Amino acid sequence: MRHVREILRLSLGARLSTRAVAEHVRTGATTVRDTLRRFDQSGLSWPLPPEIDDADQEERLYGVPVVIPNPFEADSLGFPRADFSDSPSRADGGL
């Protein structure tokens, strides 16, 4: 889970160092710097306006959320994905 609002609060509000923020939210300093860079590029200001909720903030910083495909559904061309249930199991003497 992203801790964008907490990173912003600690970096911009409390004026903690990148390393201190990273330790507090248990992430890397590079992630904190990347989040701050994205925030600067988003055009938002600190403190965030009350009408900006977490979903809107995420969209402005990261764009459209990535959807991980389900391997058991059809692919983008409509072909079924590989069915692993027919593969031989070790109990059956396969593999």
Protein backbone atom coordinates (compact mmCIF):
# COMPACT_ATOMS: atom_id res chain seq x y z
CA MET A 1 0.00 0.00 0.00
CA ARG A 2 1.25 3.46 -0.78
CA HIS A 3 1.76 5.93 2.04
CA VAL A 4 1.63 9.05 -0.11
CA ARG A 5 -0.28 11.29 2.29
CA GLU A 6 1.97 10.30 5.20
CA ILE A 7 5.12 10.94 3.14
CA LEU A 8 3.79 14.35 2.16
CA ARG A 9 2.78 15.20 5.72
CA LEU A 10 6.16 14.25 7.17
CA SER A 11 8.24 15.78 4.38
CA LEU A 12 6.35 18.98 3.68
CA GLY A 13 4.47 19.51 6.92
CA ALA A 14 6.89 18.30 9.59
CA ARG A 15 9.98 19.06 7.42
CA LEU A 16 11.67 15.74 8.24
CA SER A 17 14.60 14.53 6.18
CA THR A 18 14.10 12.02 3.39
CA ARG A 19 15.83 9.34 5.44
CA ALA A 20 13.69 10.04 8.53
CA VAL A 21 10.49 9.90 6.47
CA ALA A 22 11.61 6.64 4.83
CA GLU A 23 12.30 5.05 8.22
CA HIS A 24 8.98 6.24 9.62
CA VAL A 25 6.86 4.80 6.78
CA ARG A 26 9.18 1.78 6.38
CA THR A 27 10.12 2.37 2.78
CA GLY A 28 13.21 3.39 0.89
CA ALA A 29 14.55 6.91 0.58
CA THR A 30 14.27 6.57 -3.20
CA THR A 31 10.52 5.95 -2.85
CA VAL A 32 10.18 9.09 -0.73
CA ARG A 33 12.12 11.17 -3.28
CA ASP A 34 10.07 9.70 -6.14
CA THR A 35 6.81 10.49 -4.33
CA LEU A 36 7.92 14.08 -3.71
CA ARG A 37 9.01 14.46 -7.35
CA ARG A 38 5.63 13.16 -8.55
CA PHE A 39 3.88 15.52 -6.14
CA ASP A 40 5.84 18.49 -7.51
CA GLN A 41 4.92 17.49 -11.08
CA SER A 42 1.24 16.96 -10.21
CA GLY A 43 0.49 20.64 -9.72
CA LEU A 44 -0.98 20.03 -6.25
CA SER A 45 0.00 22.17 -3.29
CA TRP A 46 0.58 21.40 0.38
CA PRO A 47 -1.53 21.24 2.41
CA LEU A 48 -3.81 19.31 0.11
CA PRO A 49 -7.23 20.84 -0.48
CA PRO A 50 -9.98 19.01 1.43
CA GLU A 51 -11.72 17.98 -1.80
CA ILE A 52 -8.68 15.87 -2.82
CA ASP A 53 -9.28 12.36 -1.53
CA ASP A 54 -6.76 9.50 -1.62
CA ALA A 55 -8.06 8.12 -4.93
CA ASP A 56 -7.81 11.52 -6.67
CA GLN A 57 -4.37 12.09 -5.21
CA GLU A 58 -3.18 8.66 -6.41
CA GLU A 59 -4.53 9.33 -9.90
CA ARG A 60 -2.78 12.71 -10.12
CA LEU A 61 0.54 11.28 -8.93
CA TYR A 62 0.53 7.85 -10.56
CA GLY A 63 -2.02 8.03 -13.38
CA VAL A 64 -4.46 5.25 -14.14
CA PRO A 65 -4.11 2.31 -11.75
CA VAL A 66 -2.50 -0.80 -13.19
CA VAL A 67 -4.77 -3.83 -13.37
CA ILE A 68 -3.01 -7.15 -12.96
CA PRO A 69 -4.59 -9.68 -15.32
CA ASN A 70 -6.19 -12.78 -13.89
CA PRO A 71 -4.38 -15.80 -15.39
CA PHE A 72 -7.63 -17.77 -15.48
CA GLU A 73 -9.48 -15.29 -17.70
CA ALA A 74 -9.18 -14.72 -21.44
CA ASP A 75 -6.32 -12.54 -22.63
CA SER A 76 -6.74 -9.21 -24.40
CA LEU A 77 -7.27 -10.96 -27.76
CA GLY A 78 -9.98 -13.24 -26.39
CA PHE A 79 -7.89 -16.40 -26.29
CA PRO A 80 -8.18 -18.49 -23.15
CA ARG A 81 -5.11 -18.50 -20.99
CA ALA A 82 -3.20 -21.72 -20.44
CA ASP A 83 -5.06 -24.15 -18.25
CA PHE A 84 -2.63 -25.57 -15.77
CA SER A 85 -5.11 -28.04 -14.31
CA ASP A 86 -4.48 -30.57 -17.14
CA SER A 87 -0.70 -30.64 -16.62
CA PRO A 88 0.63 -33.83 -15.02
CA SER A 89 1.25 -33.60 -11.34
CA ARG A 90 4.09 -35.15 -9.43
CA ALA A 91 1.65 -37.50 -7.73
CA ASP A 92 0.66 -38.84 -11.17
CA GLY A 93 4.27 -39.54 -12.07
CA GLY A 94 4.68 -36.45 -14.20
CA LEU A 95 7.43 -33.88 -13.85
